[in-house]
Full PDB file with SEQRES, HELIX, SHEET, SSBOND, CRYST1, ORIGX, SCALE, CONECT and MASTER records, all heavy atoms in Angstrom:
SEQRES   1 A   32  ALA GLU PRO PRO PHE ASP PRO VAL PRO GLY THR SER THR          
SEQRES   2 A   32  TYR SER PHE LEU TRP ARG PHE ALA LEU ASP HIS PRO PHE          
SEQRES   3 A   32  TRP LEU ARG ASP GLY GLU                                      
HELIX    1 AA1 SER A   15  LEU A   22  1                                   8    
CRYST1    1.000    1.000    1.000  90.00  90.00  90.00 P 1           1          
ORIGX1      1.000000  0.000000  0.000000        0.00000                         
ORIGX2      0.000000  1.000000  0.000000        0.00000                         
ORIGX3      0.000000  0.000000  1.000000        0.00000                         
SCALE1      1.000000  0.000000  0.000000        0.00000                         
SCALE2      0.000000  1.000000  0.000000        0.00000                         
SCALE3      0.000000  0.000000  1.000000        0.00000                         
ATOM      1  N   ALA A   1      74.807 362.923 119.553  1.00  0.00           N  
ATOM      2  CA  ALA A   1      75.010 363.080 121.031  1.00  0.00           C  
ATOM      3  C   ALA A   1      74.008 362.177 121.810  1.00  0.00           C  
ATOM      4  O   ALA A   1      73.125 361.614 121.226  1.00  0.00           O  
ATOM      5  CB  ALA A   1      74.826 364.528 121.426  1.00  0.00           C  
ATOM      6  N   GLU A   2      74.199 362.180 123.092  1.00  0.00           N  
ATOM      7  CA  GLU A   2      73.328 361.381 123.942  1.00  0.00           C  
ATOM      8  C   GLU A   2      71.840 361.855 123.676  1.00  0.00           C  
ATOM      9  O   GLU A   2      71.563 363.028 123.695  1.00  0.00           O  
ATOM     10  CB  GLU A   2      73.616 361.635 125.423  1.00  0.00           C  
ATOM     11  CG  GLU A   2      74.645 360.731 125.968  1.00  0.00           C  
ATOM     12  CD  GLU A   2      74.860 361.039 127.475  1.00  0.00           C  
ATOM     13  OE1 GLU A   2      73.937 360.781 128.231  1.00  0.00           O  
ATOM     14  OE2 GLU A   2      75.936 361.511 127.785  1.00  0.00           O  
ATOM     15  N   PRO A   3      70.922 360.922 123.493  1.00  0.00           N  
ATOM     16  CA  PRO A   3      69.565 361.336 123.303  1.00  0.00           C  
ATOM     17  C   PRO A   3      68.997 362.026 124.539  1.00  0.00           C  
ATOM     18  O   PRO A   3      69.256 361.568 125.662  1.00  0.00           O  
ATOM     19  CB  PRO A   3      68.787 360.005 123.017  1.00  0.00           C  
ATOM     20  CG  PRO A   3      69.726 358.906 123.384  1.00  0.00           C  
ATOM     21  CD  PRO A   3      71.098 359.495 123.406  1.00  0.00           C  
ATOM     22  N   PRO A   4      68.290 363.165 124.382  1.00  0.00           N  
ATOM     23  CA  PRO A   4      67.867 363.983 125.479  1.00  0.00           C  
ATOM     24  C   PRO A   4      66.560 363.490 126.117  1.00  0.00           C  
ATOM     25  O   PRO A   4      65.522 364.051 125.960  1.00  0.00           O  
ATOM     26  CB  PRO A   4      67.687 365.335 124.872  1.00  0.00           C  
ATOM     27  CG  PRO A   4      67.293 365.014 123.465  1.00  0.00           C  
ATOM     28  CD  PRO A   4      68.045 363.750 123.096  1.00  0.00           C  
ATOM     29  N   PHE A   5      66.665 362.407 126.875  1.00  0.00           N  
ATOM     30  CA  PHE A   5      65.468 361.835 127.485  1.00  0.00           C  
ATOM     31  C   PHE A   5      65.087 362.628 128.749  1.00  0.00           C  
ATOM     32  O   PHE A   5      65.955 363.143 129.459  1.00  0.00           O  
ATOM     33  CB  PHE A   5      65.683 360.396 127.922  1.00  0.00           C  
ATOM     34  CG  PHE A   5      65.496 359.428 126.767  1.00  0.00           C  
ATOM     35  CD1 PHE A   5      66.491 359.222 125.819  1.00  0.00           C  
ATOM     36  CD2 PHE A   5      64.312 358.735 126.609  1.00  0.00           C  
ATOM     37  CE1 PHE A   5      66.283 358.339 124.771  1.00  0.00           C  
ATOM     38  CE2 PHE A   5      64.114 357.834 125.599  1.00  0.00           C  
ATOM     39  CZ  PHE A   5      65.099 357.664 124.642  1.00  0.00           C  
ATOM     40  N   ASP A   6      63.779 362.674 128.999  1.00  0.00           N  
ATOM     41  CA  ASP A   6      63.252 363.358 130.171  1.00  0.00           C  
ATOM     42  C   ASP A   6      62.379 362.295 130.898  1.00  0.00           C  
ATOM     43  O   ASP A   6      61.160 362.276 130.673  1.00  0.00           O  
ATOM     44  CB  ASP A   6      62.451 364.564 129.730  1.00  0.00           C  
ATOM     45  CG  ASP A   6      61.967 365.396 130.914  1.00  0.00           C  
ATOM     46  OD1 ASP A   6      62.552 365.227 132.007  1.00  0.00           O  
ATOM     47  OD2 ASP A   6      61.033 366.210 130.688  1.00  0.00           O  
ATOM     48  N   PRO A   7      62.949 361.452 131.701  1.00  0.00           N  
ATOM     49  CA  PRO A   7      62.238 360.294 132.241  1.00  0.00           C  
ATOM     50  C   PRO A   7      61.134 360.622 133.253  1.00  0.00           C  
ATOM     51  O   PRO A   7      61.195 361.687 133.839  1.00  0.00           O  
ATOM     52  CB  PRO A   7      63.320 359.405 132.826  1.00  0.00           C  
ATOM     53  CG  PRO A   7      64.403 360.399 133.221  1.00  0.00           C  
ATOM     54  CD  PRO A   7      64.361 361.488 132.215  1.00  0.00           C  
ATOM     55  N   VAL A   8      60.267 359.707 133.431  1.00  0.00           N  
ATOM     56  CA  VAL A   8      59.279 359.824 134.541  1.00  0.00           C  
ATOM     57  C   VAL A   8      60.094 359.873 135.848  1.00  0.00           C  
ATOM     58  O   VAL A   8      61.032 359.124 136.049  1.00  0.00           O  
ATOM     59  CB  VAL A   8      58.392 358.561 134.560  1.00  0.00           C  
ATOM     60  CG1 VAL A   8      57.479 358.580 135.765  1.00  0.00           C  
ATOM     61  CG2 VAL A   8      57.560 358.507 133.259  1.00  0.00           C  
ATOM     62  N   PRO A   9      59.734 360.848 136.740  1.00  0.00           N  
ATOM     63  CA  PRO A   9      60.462 360.966 138.006  1.00  0.00           C  
ATOM     64  C   PRO A   9      60.510 359.592 138.726  1.00  0.00           C  
ATOM     65  O   PRO A   9      59.551 358.827 138.743  1.00  0.00           O  
ATOM     66  CB  PRO A   9      59.581 361.974 138.787  1.00  0.00           C  
ATOM     67  CG  PRO A   9      58.971 362.763 137.771  1.00  0.00           C  
ATOM     68  CD  PRO A   9      58.668 361.877 136.613  1.00  0.00           C  
ATOM     69  N   GLY A  10      61.719 359.313 139.312  1.00  0.00           N  
ATOM     70  CA  GLY A  10      61.877 358.065 139.986  1.00  0.00           C  
ATOM     71  C   GLY A  10      62.311 356.888 139.121  1.00  0.00           C  
ATOM     72  O   GLY A  10      62.560 355.826 139.648  1.00  0.00           O  
ATOM     73  N   THR A  11      62.487 357.131 137.822  1.00  0.00           N  
ATOM     74  CA  THR A  11      62.947 356.076 136.935  1.00  0.00           C  
ATOM     75  C   THR A  11      64.314 356.469 136.343  1.00  0.00           C  
ATOM     76  O   THR A  11      64.660 357.660 136.360  1.00  0.00           O  
ATOM     77  CB  THR A  11      61.966 355.782 135.720  1.00  0.00           C  
ATOM     78  OG1 THR A  11      61.897 356.950 134.908  1.00  0.00           O  
ATOM     79  CG2 THR A  11      60.569 355.429 136.265  1.00  0.00           C  
ATOM     80  N   SER A  12      65.078 355.526 135.885  1.00  0.00           N  
ATOM     81  CA  SER A  12      66.358 355.802 135.305  1.00  0.00           C  
ATOM     82  C   SER A  12      66.181 356.508 133.956  1.00  0.00           C  
ATOM     83  O   SER A  12      65.124 356.440 133.333  1.00  0.00           O  
ATOM     84  CB  SER A  12      67.209 354.536 135.101  1.00  0.00           C  
ATOM     85  OG  SER A  12      66.622 353.712 134.128  1.00  0.00           O  
ATOM     86  N   THR A  13      67.203 357.224 133.523  1.00  0.00           N  
ATOM     87  CA  THR A  13      67.155 358.083 132.374  1.00  0.00           C  
ATOM     88  C   THR A  13      66.586 357.378 131.124  1.00  0.00           C  
ATOM     89  O   THR A  13      65.734 357.921 130.423  1.00  0.00           O  
ATOM     90  CB  THR A  13      68.498 358.692 132.038  1.00  0.00           C  
ATOM     91  OG1 THR A  13      68.991 359.362 133.165  1.00  0.00           O  
ATOM     92  CG2 THR A  13      68.418 359.654 130.875  1.00  0.00           C  
ATOM     93  N   TYR A  14      67.023 356.170 130.897  1.00  0.00           N  
ATOM     94  CA  TYR A  14      66.645 355.512 129.647  1.00  0.00           C  
ATOM     95  C   TYR A  14      65.663 354.350 129.889  1.00  0.00           C  
ATOM     96  O   TYR A  14      65.583 353.410 129.125  1.00  0.00           O  
ATOM     97  CB  TYR A  14      67.917 354.967 128.928  1.00  0.00           C  
ATOM     98  CG  TYR A  14      68.889 356.106 128.592  1.00  0.00           C  
ATOM     99  CD1 TYR A  14      70.087 356.222 129.257  1.00  0.00           C  
ATOM    100  CD2 TYR A  14      68.509 357.111 127.715  1.00  0.00           C  
ATOM    101  CE1 TYR A  14      70.950 357.299 128.982  1.00  0.00           C  
ATOM    102  CE2 TYR A  14      69.342 358.179 127.449  1.00  0.00           C  
ATOM    103  CZ  TYR A  14      70.597 358.256 128.067  1.00  0.00           C  
ATOM    104  OH  TYR A  14      71.415 359.311 127.803  1.00  0.00           O  
ATOM    105  N   SER A  15      64.904 354.496 130.941  1.00  0.00           N  
ATOM    106  CA  SER A  15      63.924 353.414 131.275  1.00  0.00           C  
ATOM    107  C   SER A  15      62.992 353.078 130.163  1.00  0.00           C  
ATOM    108  O   SER A  15      62.616 351.918 129.951  1.00  0.00           O  
ATOM    109  CB  SER A  15      63.141 353.759 132.548  1.00  0.00           C  
ATOM    110  OG  SER A  15      62.469 355.024 132.393  1.00  0.00           O  
ATOM    111  N   PHE A  16      62.614 354.092 129.332  1.00  0.00           N  
ATOM    112  CA  PHE A  16      61.740 353.772 128.223  1.00  0.00           C  
ATOM    113  C   PHE A  16      62.400 352.861 127.207  1.00  0.00           C  
ATOM    114  O   PHE A  16      61.738 351.980 126.624  1.00  0.00           O  
ATOM    115  CB  PHE A  16      61.325 355.076 127.478  1.00  0.00           C  
ATOM    116  CG  PHE A  16      60.695 354.836 126.169  1.00  0.00           C  
ATOM    117  CD1 PHE A  16      59.490 354.121 126.017  1.00  0.00           C  
ATOM    118  CD2 PHE A  16      61.299 355.273 124.970  1.00  0.00           C  
ATOM    119  CE1 PHE A  16      58.941 353.867 124.787  1.00  0.00           C  
ATOM    120  CE2 PHE A  16      60.754 355.017 123.713  1.00  0.00           C  
ATOM    121  CZ  PHE A  16      59.517 354.307 123.636  1.00  0.00           C  
ATOM    122  N   LEU A  17      63.674 352.937 126.969  1.00  0.00           N  
ATOM    123  CA  LEU A  17      64.376 352.089 126.003  1.00  0.00           C  
ATOM    124  C   LEU A  17      64.338 350.642 126.479  1.00  0.00           C  
ATOM    125  O   LEU A  17      64.010 349.731 125.739  1.00  0.00           O  
ATOM    126  CB  LEU A  17      65.855 352.517 125.809  1.00  0.00           C  
ATOM    127  CG  LEU A  17      66.025 353.905 125.157  1.00  0.00           C  
ATOM    128  CD1 LEU A  17      67.533 354.195 125.079  1.00  0.00           C  
ATOM    129  CD2 LEU A  17      65.357 354.015 123.774  1.00  0.00           C  
ATOM    130  N   TRP A  18      64.668 350.463 127.770  1.00  0.00           N  
ATOM    131  CA  TRP A  18      64.633 349.073 128.305  1.00  0.00           C  
ATOM    132  C   TRP A  18      63.204 348.568 128.319  1.00  0.00           C  
ATOM    133  O   TRP A  18      62.982 347.347 128.033  1.00  0.00           O  
ATOM    134  CB  TRP A  18      65.220 349.031 129.664  1.00  0.00           C  
ATOM    135  CG  TRP A  18      66.397 349.935 129.943  1.00  0.00           C  
ATOM    136  CD1 TRP A  18      66.586 350.782 130.985  1.00  0.00           C  
ATOM    137  CD2 TRP A  18      67.636 350.065 129.153  1.00  0.00           C  
ATOM    138  NE1 TRP A  18      67.798 351.460 130.859  1.00  0.00           N  
ATOM    139  CE2 TRP A  18      68.446 351.025 129.753  1.00  0.00           C  
ATOM    140  CE3 TRP A  18      68.079 349.484 127.958  1.00  0.00           C  
ATOM    141  CZ2 TRP A  18      69.679 351.387 129.254  1.00  0.00           C  
ATOM    142  CZ3 TRP A  18      69.301 349.848 127.413  1.00  0.00           C  
ATOM    143  CH2 TRP A  18      70.102 350.799 128.054  1.00  0.00           C  
ATOM    144  N   ARG A  19      62.239 349.451 128.560  1.00  0.00           N  
ATOM    145  CA  ARG A  19      60.874 349.021 128.621  1.00  0.00           C  
ATOM    146  C   ARG A  19      60.433 348.519 127.211  1.00  0.00           C  
ATOM    147  O   ARG A  19      59.623 347.601 127.113  1.00  0.00           O  
ATOM    148  CB  ARG A  19      59.983 350.146 129.079  1.00  0.00           C  
ATOM    149  CG  ARG A  19      58.503 349.787 129.024  1.00  0.00           C  
ATOM    150  CD  ARG A  19      57.607 350.623 129.808  1.00  0.00           C  
ATOM    151  NE  ARG A  19      56.257 350.119 129.632  1.00  0.00           N  
ATOM    152  CZ  ARG A  19      55.151 350.676 130.104  1.00  0.00           C  
ATOM    153  NH1 ARG A  19      55.263 351.781 130.840  1.00  0.00           N  
ATOM    154  NH2 ARG A  19      53.974 350.166 129.916  1.00  0.00           N  
ATOM    155  N   PHE A  20      60.911 349.166 126.147  1.00  0.00           N  
ATOM    156  CA  PHE A  20      60.558 348.712 124.793  1.00  0.00           C  
ATOM    157  C   PHE A  20      60.874 347.229 124.650  1.00  0.00           C  
ATOM    158  O   PHE A  20      60.071 346.462 124.167  1.00  0.00           O  
ATOM    159  CB  PHE A  20      61.286 349.504 123.755  1.00  0.00           C  
ATOM    160  CG  PHE A  20      60.980 349.017 122.326  1.00  0.00           C  
ATOM    161  CD1 PHE A  20      59.898 349.453 121.629  1.00  0.00           C  
ATOM    162  CD2 PHE A  20      61.845 348.132 121.700  1.00  0.00           C  
ATOM    163  CE1 PHE A  20      59.608 349.003 120.354  1.00  0.00           C  
ATOM    164  CE2 PHE A  20      61.576 347.647 120.465  1.00  0.00           C  
ATOM    165  CZ  PHE A  20      60.437 348.059 119.781  1.00  0.00           C  
ATOM    166  N   ALA A  21      62.097 346.864 125.112  1.00  0.00           N  
ATOM    167  CA  ALA A  21      62.482 345.435 125.024  1.00  0.00           C  
ATOM    168  C   ALA A  21      61.602 344.550 125.902  1.00  0.00           C  
ATOM    169  O   ALA A  21      61.152 343.471 125.435  1.00  0.00           O  
ATOM    170  CB  ALA A  21      63.937 345.293 125.425  1.00  0.00           C  
ATOM    171  N   LEU A  22      61.227 345.002 127.085  1.00  0.00           N  
ATOM    172  CA  LEU A  22      60.430 344.246 128.039  1.00  0.00           C  
ATOM    173  C   LEU A  22      58.977 344.185 127.599  1.00  0.00           C  
ATOM    174  O   LEU A  22      58.238 343.251 128.070  1.00  0.00           O  
ATOM    175  CB  LEU A  22      60.543 344.824 129.412  1.00  0.00           C  
ATOM    176  CG  LEU A  22      61.978 344.992 129.979  1.00  0.00           C  
ATOM    177  CD1 LEU A  22      61.947 345.538 131.352  1.00  0.00           C  
ATOM    178  CD2 LEU A  22      62.782 343.706 129.934  1.00  0.00           C  
ATOM    179  N   ASP A  23      58.536 345.012 126.720  1.00  0.00           N  
ATOM    180  CA  ASP A  23      57.142 345.024 126.252  1.00  0.00           C  
ATOM    181  C   ASP A  23      56.955 344.203 124.968  1.00  0.00           C  
ATOM    182  O   ASP A  23      55.853 344.152 124.435  1.00  0.00           O  
ATOM    183  CB  ASP A  23      56.694 346.466 126.007  1.00  0.00           C  
ATOM    184  CG  ASP A  23      56.357 347.230 127.284  1.00  0.00           C  
ATOM    185  OD1 ASP A  23      56.249 346.567 128.353  1.00  0.00           O  
ATOM    186  OD2 ASP A  23      56.203 348.448 127.214  1.00  0.00           O  
ATOM    187  N   HIS A  24      58.020 343.629 124.447  1.00  0.00           N  
ATOM    188  CA  HIS A  24      57.867 342.925 123.136  1.00  0.00           C  
ATOM    189  C   HIS A  24      58.457 341.490 123.186  1.00  0.00           C  
ATOM    190  O   HIS A  24      59.590 341.226 122.772  1.00  0.00           O  
ATOM    191  CB  HIS A  24      58.570 343.739 122.050  1.00  0.00           C  
ATOM    192  CG  HIS A  24      57.844 344.963 121.736  1.00  0.00           C  
ATOM    193  ND1 HIS A  24      58.068 346.195 122.360  1.00  0.00           N  
ATOM    194  CD2 HIS A  24      56.821 345.205 120.887  1.00  0.00           C  
ATOM    195  CE1 HIS A  24      57.204 347.079 121.888  1.00  0.00           C  
ATOM    196  NE2 HIS A  24      56.459 346.542 120.989  1.00  0.00           N  
ATOM    197  N   PRO A  25      57.650 340.599 123.786  1.00  0.00           N  
ATOM    198  CA  PRO A  25      58.081 339.145 123.829  1.00  0.00           C  
ATOM    199  C   PRO A  25      58.170 338.585 122.405  1.00  0.00           C  
ATOM    200  O   PRO A  25      57.538 338.979 121.514  1.00  0.00           O  
ATOM    201  CB  PRO A  25      57.029 338.469 124.661  1.00  0.00           C  
ATOM    202  CG  PRO A  25      55.824 339.384 124.566  1.00  0.00           C  
ATOM    203  CD  PRO A  25      56.340 340.746 124.409  1.00  0.00           C  
ATOM    204  N   PHE A  26      58.980 337.485 122.319  1.00  0.00           N  
ATOM    205  CA  PHE A  26      59.168 336.792 121.048  1.00  0.00           C  
ATOM    206  C   PHE A  26      57.900 336.375 120.390  1.00  0.00           C  
ATOM    207  O   PHE A  26      57.771 336.320 119.147  1.00  0.00           O  
ATOM    208  CB  PHE A  26      60.143 335.596 121.301  1.00  0.00           C  
ATOM    209  CG  PHE A  26      60.530 334.883 120.052  1.00  0.00           C  
ATOM    210  CD1 PHE A  26      61.663 335.230 119.417  1.00  0.00           C  
ATOM    211  CD2 PHE A  26      59.772 333.853 119.561  1.00  0.00           C  
ATOM    212  CE1 PHE A  26      62.086 334.518 118.276  1.00  0.00           C  
ATOM    213  CE2 PHE A  26      60.138 333.157 118.395  1.00  0.00           C  
ATOM    214  CZ  PHE A  26      61.331 333.560 117.711  1.00  0.00           C  
ATOM    215  N   TRP A  27      56.932 335.972 121.206  1.00  0.00           N  
ATOM    216  CA  TRP A  27      55.757 335.305 120.666  1.00  0.00           C  
ATOM    217  C   TRP A  27      54.669 336.212 120.147  1.00  0.00           C  
ATOM    218  O   TRP A  27      53.642 335.783 119.704  1.00  0.00           O  
ATOM    219  CB  TRP A  27      55.133 334.323 121.711  1.00  0.00           C  
ATOM    220  CG  TRP A  27      55.058 334.906 123.125  1.00  0.00           C  
ATOM    221  CD1 TRP A  27      55.905 334.682 124.127  1.00  0.00           C  
ATOM    222  CD2 TRP A  27      54.028 335.716 123.637  1.00  0.00           C  
ATOM    223  NE1 TRP A  27      55.483 335.356 125.255  1.00  0.00           N  
ATOM    224  CE2 TRP A  27      54.372 335.994 125.008  1.00  0.00           C  
ATOM    225  CE3 TRP A  27      52.833 336.294 123.090  1.00  0.00           C  
ATOM    226  CZ2 TRP A  27      53.559 336.788 125.818  1.00  0.00           C  
ATOM    227  CZ3 TRP A  27      52.022 337.080 123.901  1.00  0.00           C  
ATOM    228  CH2 TRP A  27      52.422 337.310 125.248  1.00  0.00           C  
ATOM    229  N   LEU A  28      54.904 337.529 120.117  1.00  0.00           N  
ATOM    230  CA  LEU A  28      53.932 338.448 119.486  1.00  0.00           C  
ATOM    231  C   LEU A  28      53.827 338.025 117.999  1.00  0.00           C  
ATOM    232  O   LEU A  28      54.726 337.537 117.394  1.00  0.00           O  
ATOM    233  CB  LEU A  28      54.417 339.872 119.536  1.00  0.00           C  
ATOM    234  CG  LEU A  28      54.377 340.579 120.876  1.00  0.00           C  
ATOM    235  CD1 LEU A  28      55.105 341.907 120.813  1.00  0.00           C  
ATOM    236  CD2 LEU A  28      52.953 340.760 121.358  1.00  0.00           C  
ATOM    237  N   ARG A  29      52.608 338.193 117.482  1.00  0.00           N  
ATOM    238  CA  ARG A  29      52.423 337.855 116.052  1.00  0.00           C  
ATOM    239  C   ARG A  29      53.198 338.848 115.164  1.00  0.00           C  
ATOM    240  O   ARG A  29      53.491 339.968 115.566  1.00  0.00           O  
ATOM    241  CB  ARG A  29      50.959 337.887 115.708  1.00  0.00           C  
ATOM    242  CG  ARG A  29      50.200 336.795 116.429  1.00  0.00           C  
ATOM    243  CD  ARG A  29      48.809 336.632 115.925  1.00  0.00           C  
ATOM    244  NE  ARG A  29      48.166 335.499 116.602  1.00  0.00           N  
ATOM    245  CZ  ARG A  29      46.982 335.009 116.245  1.00  0.00           C  
ATOM    246  NH1 ARG A  29      46.297 335.588 115.239  1.00  0.00           N  
ATOM    247  NH2 ARG A  29      46.445 333.997 116.866  1.00  0.00           N  
ATOM    248  N   ASP A  30      53.448 338.426 113.966  1.00  0.00           N  
ATOM    249  CA  ASP A  30      54.239 339.254 113.024  1.00  0.00           C  
ATOM    250  C   ASP A  30      53.669 340.660 112.905  1.00  0.00           C  
ATOM    251  O   ASP A  30      52.491 340.803 112.616  1.00  0.00           O  
ATOM    252  CB  ASP A  30      54.286 338.572 111.659  1.00  0.00           C  
ATOM    253  CG  ASP A  30      55.135 337.336 111.650  1.00  0.00           C  
ATOM    254  OD1 ASP A  30      55.791 337.003 112.649  1.00  0.00           O  
ATOM    255  OD2 ASP A  30      55.127 336.620 110.594  1.00  0.00           O  
ATOM    256  N   GLY A  31      54.532 341.644 113.095  1.00  0.00           N  
ATOM    257  CA  GLY A  31      54.131 343.007 112.906  1.00  0.00           C  
ATOM    258  C   GLY A  31      53.287 343.608 114.042  1.00  0.00           C  
ATOM    259  O   GLY A  31      52.806 344.734 113.930  1.00  0.00           O  
ATOM    260  N   GLU A  32      53.151 342.839 115.166  1.00  0.00           N  
ATOM    261  CA  GLU A  32      52.269 343.233 116.195  1.00  0.00           C  
ATOM    262  C   GLU A  32      53.046 343.847 117.373  1.00  0.00           C  
ATOM    263  O   GLU A  32      54.201 343.498 117.607  1.00  0.00           O  
ATOM    264  CB  GLU A  32      51.541 341.974 116.722  1.00  0.00           C  
ATOM    265  CG  GLU A  32      50.083 342.177 116.937  1.00  0.00           C  
ATOM    266  CD  GLU A  32      49.399 340.832 117.206  1.00  0.00           C  
ATOM    267  OE1 GLU A  32      49.958 340.017 118.019  1.00  0.00           O  
ATOM    268  OE2 GLU A  32      48.318 340.602 116.657  1.00  0.00           O  
TER     269      GLU A  32                                                      
MASTER        0    0    0    1    0    0    0    6  268    1    0    3          
END                                                                             
């Protein structure tokens, strides 16, 4: 079922998921 996220007030439900992508640029070193 839909994952039961409880987001920070004022952010969209799945803001953490999108943030994961935005926090991991291509140029990070391997495994970092």
